[in-house]
Amino acid sequence: MNWILDRIALMLTAIACALGAWAFYHYTGQWSGPIIMTIVIVGLFAENHRLRKLLAEHGIESRPRRRRNT
């Protein structure tokens, strides 16, 4: 009986996501692409900052120096 409730919850979640996606594209129109790209780029910078901070906490250089072949 639990699997029926799980399926119903999954279907309701799918419907909510579909309605959210429709509303986003409907109301943003041609600006949906730049909005999504801005969110992705900001997210990547935030993740990069978080990972560099984590490396620094563990004493690992995030940008190791290159050796010169002389």
N, C-alpha and C. Protein backbone atom coordinates (compact mmCIF):
# COMPACT_ATOMS: atom_id res chain seq x y z
N MET A 1 0.80 -1.19 0.00
CA MET A 1 0.00 0.00 0.00
C MET A 1 0.86 1.27 0.00
N ASN A 2 2.04 1.17 0.60
CA ASN A 2 2.93 2.33 0.62
C ASN A 2 3.39 2.72 -0.77
N TRP A 3 3.54 1.73 -1.65
CA TRP A 3 4.02 2.06 -2.99
C TRP A 3 3.00 2.89 -3.76
N ILE A 4 1.72 2.74 -3.44
CA ILE A 4 0.70 3.55 -4.09
C ILE A 4 0.85 5.01 -3.67
N LEU A 5 1.07 5.23 -2.38
CA LEU A 5 1.29 6.59 -1.89
C LEU A 5 2.57 7.19 -2.47
N ASP A 6 3.60 6.36 -2.62
CA ASP A 6 4.84 6.84 -3.23
C ASP A 6 4.62 7.26 -4.68
N ARG A 7 3.86 6.46 -5.41
CA ARG A 7 3.57 6.78 -6.82
C ARG A 7 2.73 8.06 -6.93
N ILE A 8 1.77 8.21 -6.04
CA ILE A 8 0.94 9.42 -6.05
C ILE A 8 1.79 10.64 -5.72
N ALA A 9 2.66 10.52 -4.73
CA ALA A 9 3.54 11.63 -4.37
C ALA A 9 4.49 11.96 -5.52
N LEU A 10 4.98 10.95 -6.20
CA LEU A 10 5.86 11.16 -7.34
C LEU A 10 5.13 11.87 -8.48
N MET A 11 3.90 11.46 -8.74
CA MET A 11 3.11 12.11 -9.79
C MET A 11 2.80 13.57 -9.43
N LEU A 12 2.47 13.84 -8.18
CA LEU A 12 2.19 15.21 -7.75
C LEU A 12 3.44 16.08 -7.86
N THR A 13 4.57 15.51 -7.52
CA THR A 13 5.83 16.25 -7.64
C THR A 13 6.14 16.55 -9.10
N ALA A 14 5.92 15.58 -9.98
CA ALA A 14 6.15 15.79 -11.41
C ALA A 14 5.23 16.87 -11.96
N ILE A 15 3.99 16.85 -11.56
CA ILE A 15 3.03 17.86 -12.02
C ILE A 15 3.44 19.24 -11.52
N ALA A 16 3.87 19.34 -10.26
CA ALA A 16 4.31 20.63 -9.70
C ALA A 16 5.54 21.15 -10.45
N CYS A 17 6.49 20.28 -10.76
CA CYS A 17 7.68 20.70 -11.51
C CYS A 17 7.31 21.15 -12.92
N ALA A 18 6.41 20.43 -13.56
CA ALA A 18 5.99 20.80 -14.90
C ALA A 18 5.27 22.15 -14.89
N LEU A 19 4.41 22.37 -13.92
CA LEU A 19 3.73 23.67 -13.81
C LEU A 19 4.72 24.80 -13.53
N GLY A 20 5.70 24.53 -12.69
CA GLY A 20 6.72 25.53 -12.40
C GLY A 20 7.54 25.88 -13.63
N ALA A 21 7.91 24.86 -14.40
CA ALA A 21 8.67 25.10 -15.63
C ALA A 21 7.84 25.88 -16.64
N TRP A 22 6.58 25.49 -16.79
CA TRP A 22 5.71 26.22 -17.71
C TRP A 22 5.58 27.67 -17.30
N ALA A 23 5.34 27.93 -16.02
CA ALA A 23 5.18 29.30 -15.54
C ALA A 23 6.45 30.11 -15.76
N PHE A 24 7.61 29.49 -15.50
CA PHE A 24 8.88 30.20 -15.70
C PHE A 24 9.03 30.61 -17.15
N TYR A 25 8.86 29.68 -18.08
CA TYR A 25 9.03 30.01 -19.50
C TYR A 25 7.92 30.92 -20.02
N HIS A 26 6.74 30.77 -19.49
CA HIS A 26 5.62 31.61 -19.93
C HIS A 26 5.82 33.06 -19.52
N TYR A 27 6.25 33.29 -18.29
CA TYR A 27 6.34 34.66 -17.78
C TYR A 27 7.67 35.34 -18.08
N THR A 28 8.73 34.56 -18.34
CA THR A 28 10.01 35.20 -18.65
C THR A 28 10.21 35.36 -20.15
N GLY A 29 9.57 34.55 -20.94
CA GLY A 29 9.64 34.67 -22.39
C GLY A 29 11.05 34.53 -22.92
N GLN A 30 11.48 35.52 -23.69
CA GLN A 30 12.80 35.45 -24.33
C GLN A 30 13.94 35.63 -23.33
N TRP A 31 13.64 36.05 -22.11
CA TRP A 31 14.67 36.25 -21.10
C TRP A 31 14.99 34.97 -20.33
N SER A 32 14.32 33.88 -20.63
CA SER A 32 14.56 32.65 -19.86
C SER A 32 15.99 32.14 -20.05
N GLY A 33 16.53 32.22 -21.25
CA GLY A 33 17.90 31.76 -21.49
C GLY A 33 18.93 32.54 -20.70
N PRO A 34 18.94 33.88 -20.81
CA PRO A 34 19.90 34.64 -20.02
C PRO A 34 19.73 34.48 -18.50
N ILE A 35 18.49 34.33 -18.05
CA ILE A 35 18.27 34.15 -16.61
C ILE A 35 18.87 32.83 -16.15
N ILE A 36 18.64 31.76 -16.90
CA ILE A 36 19.19 30.46 -16.53
C ILE A 36 20.71 30.48 -16.59
N MET A 37 21.28 31.10 -17.63
CA MET A 37 22.74 31.18 -17.74
C MET A 37 23.34 31.96 -16.59
N THR A 38 22.70 33.05 -16.17
CA THR A 38 23.19 33.84 -15.05
C THR A 38 23.18 33.02 -13.76
N ILE A 39 22.11 32.29 -13.55
CA ILE A 39 22.02 31.44 -12.35
C ILE A 39 23.10 30.38 -12.37
N VAL A 40 23.34 29.77 -13.53
CA VAL A 40 24.36 28.72 -13.63
C VAL A 40 25.75 29.29 -13.38
N ILE A 41 26.07 30.43 -13.97
CA ILE A 41 27.41 31.02 -13.80
C ILE A 41 27.63 31.44 -12.35
N VAL A 42 26.65 32.06 -11.73
CA VAL A 42 26.79 32.44 -10.32
C VAL A 42 26.96 31.19 -9.46
N GLY A 43 26.22 30.14 -9.76
CA GLY A 43 26.36 28.89 -9.02
C GLY A 43 27.73 28.27 -9.18
N LEU A 44 28.29 28.32 -10.39
CA LEU A 44 29.63 27.78 -10.61
C LEU A 44 30.69 28.57 -9.86
N PHE A 45 30.59 29.89 -9.86
CA PHE A 45 31.54 30.70 -9.10
C PHE A 45 31.43 30.42 -7.61
N ALA A 46 30.22 30.27 -7.10
CA ALA A 46 30.03 29.97 -5.67
C ALA A 46 30.62 28.60 -5.32
N GLU A 47 30.40 27.62 -6.17
CA GLU A 47 30.94 26.28 -5.93
C GLU A 47 32.46 26.29 -6.00
N ASN A 48 33.02 27.02 -6.96
CA ASN A 48 34.47 27.13 -7.08
C ASN A 48 35.05 27.77 -5.84
N HIS A 49 34.43 28.83 -5.35
CA HIS A 49 34.90 29.50 -4.14
C HIS A 49 34.84 28.55 -2.94
N ARG A 50 33.75 27.80 -2.82
CA ARG A 50 33.60 26.85 -1.72
C ARG A 50 34.67 25.77 -1.76
N LEU A 51 34.96 25.24 -2.96
CA LEU A 51 35.95 24.19 -3.08
C LEU A 51 37.36 24.71 -2.82
N ARG A 52 37.68 25.92 -3.28
CA ARG A 52 39.00 26.51 -3.00
C ARG A 52 39.18 26.74 -1.50
N LYS A 53 38.13 27.17 -0.83
CA LYS A 53 38.18 27.37 0.62
C LYS A 53 38.41 26.04 1.33
N LEU A 54 37.75 24.99 0.87
CA LEU A 54 37.92 23.67 1.45
C LEU A 54 39.35 23.16 1.25
N LEU A 55 39.91 23.39 0.07
CA LEU A 55 41.30 23.01 -0.17
C LEU A 55 42.25 23.77 0.75
N ALA A 56 42.01 25.06 0.92
CA ALA A 56 42.86 25.87 1.79
C ALA A 56 42.79 25.40 3.24
N GLU A 57 41.61 24.98 3.69
CA GLU A 57 41.47 24.47 5.05
C GLU A 57 42.28 23.21 5.27
N HIS A 58 42.48 22.43 4.21
CA HIS A 58 43.25 21.19 4.31
C HIS A 58 44.71 21.38 3.92
N GLY A 59 45.11 22.62 3.69
CA GLY A 59 46.51 22.92 3.39
C GLY A 59 46.95 22.55 1.99
N ILE A 60 46.04 22.51 1.06
CA ILE A 60 46.36 22.16 -0.32
C ILE A 60 46.26 23.42 -1.17
N GLU A 61 47.30 23.66 -1.98
CA GLU A 61 47.26 24.83 -2.87
C GLU A 61 46.26 24.58 -3.99
N SER A 62 45.41 25.55 -4.23
CA SER A 62 44.44 25.38 -5.31
C SER A 62 45.05 25.71 -6.67
N ARG A 63 46.11 26.52 -6.66
CA ARG A 63 46.80 26.88 -7.90
C ARG A 63 48.29 26.60 -7.74
N PRO A 64 48.70 25.36 -7.94
CA PRO A 64 50.13 25.05 -7.77
C PRO A 64 50.98 25.78 -8.80
N ARG A 65 52.17 26.16 -8.39
CA ARG A 65 53.08 26.88 -9.28
C ARG A 65 53.63 25.93 -10.34
N ARG A 66 53.79 26.46 -11.55
CA ARG A 66 54.35 25.65 -12.64
C ARG A 66 55.87 25.67 -12.57
N ARG A 67 56.47 24.58 -12.95
CA ARG A 67 57.93 24.53 -13.03
C ARG A 67 58.38 25.06 -14.38
N ARG A 68 59.47 25.74 -14.37
CA ARG A 68 60.05 26.20 -15.62
C ARG A 68 61.10 25.20 -16.08
N ASN A 69 61.03 24.86 -17.32
CA ASN A 69 62.04 23.95 -17.90
C ASN A 69 63.19 24.80 -18.44
N THR A 70 64.24 24.92 -17.63
CA THR A 70 65.40 25.71 -18.07
C THR A 70 66.63 24.88 -18.13
